[in-house]
Structure formats: C-alpha cells, structure tokens
Amino acid sequence: MGFAVTVTWWCEHAWLGDTVQAGVLITVDDGRITSIVAGAPATGASNRLSGLVIPGMANAHSHAFHRALRGRTQRDRGSFWTWRDLMYRVADRLDPDRYRALARAVYAEMALAGITSVGEFHYLHHDTGGRPYSDPNAMGHALIEAAADAGPRLTLLDTCYLSSAPDGAALQDGPQQRFGDGSGAGWAERAEILRDQTRSRPGVLVGAALHSVRGVPVDQMPDVVEWASAHSAPLHVHSSEQRAEIEQCQAVHGRTPTAVLRDAGALGPRTTAVHATHLTAGDIADMSASATGVCFCPTTERDLGDGIGPAPALLNTPGLFSLGSDSHAVIDMFEEARAVELDERLARQERGIIGAPTLLRAATVDGQHAIGWADAGVLQVGARADLVAVDLNSVRTAGGGATAETIVFAATAADVTDVVIDGQVVVADRRHVRVDVAAELSKAIENLLGDS
C-alpha cells in the first residue's frame, strides 16, 4: 500500500484518549500522525471527516472462512459440536484461489465496519488429505493477498493444530488432516518459512497460535511457545470456551486448560487467551500473575451458546482485554464492545458495570496491541494514521451527542462513513474504494457452497 506524502484531515469531533474534542486537525505524513490540533477551523486544504472520529479498531480474532456459514447454521438446531461439523465441511472445499476470494470480501466487510487490523487465527494450512501445497504456506499467502487488496493490516496468527482431543488423539480423517504439521517442530519450520517470506511486506505480521489444549498435545506446545518468544510475536490460544472442553481436559490432565497452558510456559504478556469463558478463581489468578490477555468474542459466544465470561475480573488484571468477531455471525466491533457490558447486566441483573471508554479502548488500542500493532489504536502524534468516522446523525445515533457512550451503546457498523488506514482512504461515504463487498461476498460463497 503506497502512502501519501502529507495530508490533513479536519475532524468535526475526535476521540483523543478518553476525551472528545471538537474541530480536530490531524496532519499525516507517510502514514503516521505528525500533528494534532484541537479547536481548529476547517480549511479548504483539509479533508473533512464528519461525526466522531475514533482510532482504527482491531478485530483480534477472526476465522475468515467461517463467514460462509452466516445464516446457514441457524437452519437446524444444534450444539457447538454440530456447528463445528458444518464448519469442517466448508473448510474441506477451500483452495488458495477460493480462500483468497472469500477472505478479500470478508476483510473488505471488516474495513466497512471500521476495522483497520485483523488477527487471523489461521489453521487451514494444507491441501485435502493433509498434502502440502508446493508452497507449504499457499493458504497463508492467500489470506495475506486478500488483506492487501481489502485494506486492513493482517496479523496472521499461524496456528499449530496437531490433535483432536486433550489426550493427544490423532487428527480425524477428513478436513482435520488439512490442519496438521505432524509436530510442533514441523509447525515451527513452516512458520519460519512464512515469516521469512513476509518479512519485507508492509501491513503484515506473522504471529503464533496454539489451537487449544485439545488441538496441541502438551509435549508439542514448547516448540510453538519458544518460536513466539524468539520472535517477540503474539501468541494466541483458544481456551476454556466450552464446558465439555474443560471436563475433557480435567479428565486427561487433572487440571484446567489455563493451568495446562501455565505449566507449558504459554502464559505471558504477549499471550491472548481467546474466549476464556469458563474460568476458575485460580485461572484468573494465573492469568493476572502472568499478565496474560484475553479476547472476548461475544456475538460468536452467544451464537454458539457458550456462556458469558468473567469480564470485570479480567479487566482488573494487567493483561490486555481485546475483542474479536470470530465466526463472523456479525462483523461489528461496536456490537462486540457493548455486548461485554450488556451480557454482564443480564448475568448480574445490574447496570453500569463496565464503562464505554473502557469498552472503546478494548476495541481500539488494546486490540491493536494484542495482535502486535503497538503503534496503532490511538489518535496521537507518532501513531499510525487510522481514522474511523462514525455518523452521529443516523437513526441510531441522532441526539446522542459526540460521546463514547453514543459510539459504544448506539452506533453499529452501518454508521461508519469513512475509514483511513495508514493514511490511505479505504472507505469513503460508506463505500469501499476497491471492493464491491456485497457482490464479492455473494459470489465467493456461492462458488464455495452453491445451494448447499
């Protein structure tokens, strides 16, 4: 993505830290903010952004191909496990070309929603039957190219996935064979190749992921943990998502998934536990002591009936609290943010537990940091120039005022009007500048699934 030399943006309102200022003039040079002046009049030389401008949001947990399931898994009542079976059938039909087409449209949908970075939890590595492509990272490159076309930065959380149960049972025949690298060392070898291949690409980071305690045997975890540590890379892991997973882990290991990860050396400030829905007091203490972060995905967690995680307790730990859209039941970070509070209200029958500024930070700066973009998520000098303008006069936001509360508790993705990523316009007047998003989504999913 090429950068403009110098450009100025006049924002009707802008969220600067925890305060909203009016008439904010932001100067951008080579994709970074070089000056911010509040109380400035609009000038003829400035690009105008109406409404309230917030920093670019981060989707810290994505499975791009799950977008093809939207609406389809609602046709028959089922559990997480029946949903997973359908997801595996979709995975079995993907190849690099189909994956790139689908992911390009999905990442463009994210851009329309104000998402400027995405953490892609990527485990669909190989061809059918587990046969490596001639380039063993062909599927990863499909995602990288898709993000480059669509605009958001990409953290490819390359995922180690070796087993089908906490006891280390082999991957099942069928789609699961596409996920495995044989061993943790085999995963690390392939991940190192991908890192070398992408080292000079702007807007791309390669991170690491352990699929889960059922997806990676304990004796294989150190290879992944050590690779992430050697490269100071983000390390993400599905953890404590369903009660059945925890029961299986207890039966095999005699302790919770969090404790297994602790003993494997996988917890720490670069680690993000995704979901973290069913935690014990000891789990929370371990995560706090290690400054391990979490990523809640409320729209997916409620879609699958997984439960409500202990957000207030986790927000009181040193770890980052981020948000993701996971299976893309919807792609709307405002909805993810407010759901953290609204779910807690239902559980406690009490209001006002988590404030809007905290939730907005989770969707912006904490999320960006959780996927490795430490210079994004804030409107300040030196930061990446990610600007997201939110309409304050839609039928949802009219009358609410230029406040974090309006953004978090009233706005939706449909209220995002303009998106600038690294100083480049990606969305203008609610339209993606390069991708016909709805048409490409329809075509990609039709090509993948037909009438099934």
Foldseek 3Di string as FASTA:
>chain_A
DFFDAKAKEFEQWECFQADIAGGWIWMAGQQFTADIDGPDDDDPRHHYFYFYKFFFFEFEEAAQQLQLCQPVVVPDDDFPVVVVVVVLVLLLLDDLVLLLLSLLLSLLLLVLLRHQEYEYADQQFDHAQLHADPLSRSNVVSNVVSCVQNHHQYADAHEAFAAQALQRHGQDHGSSSSRHQNALQSSLVSLVVVCVVCVPPPRYHYAHEYAFSRGHHLVRVLSRQVSCVVVVFAYEYAFPQAPVRQVRNCVNPVDGRLVSCVVSVNAAQSYEHEQQADDDPVSLVSNQVRQYHYEYQVVVSVVNVRHAHPVLSRVPGNHFYAYHNYSPNDNKLLCRLVCNQVSVCVVVVDHDRDDLSSSLQRRFQSSCVNRPQNQGRRPDGPRRPWIWRFDCPDPQRDPVDNRSCSSNPGGTSQRTQWIAGSNHTQHHRSRGPRDPNVVSNVVSSCVSPPPD
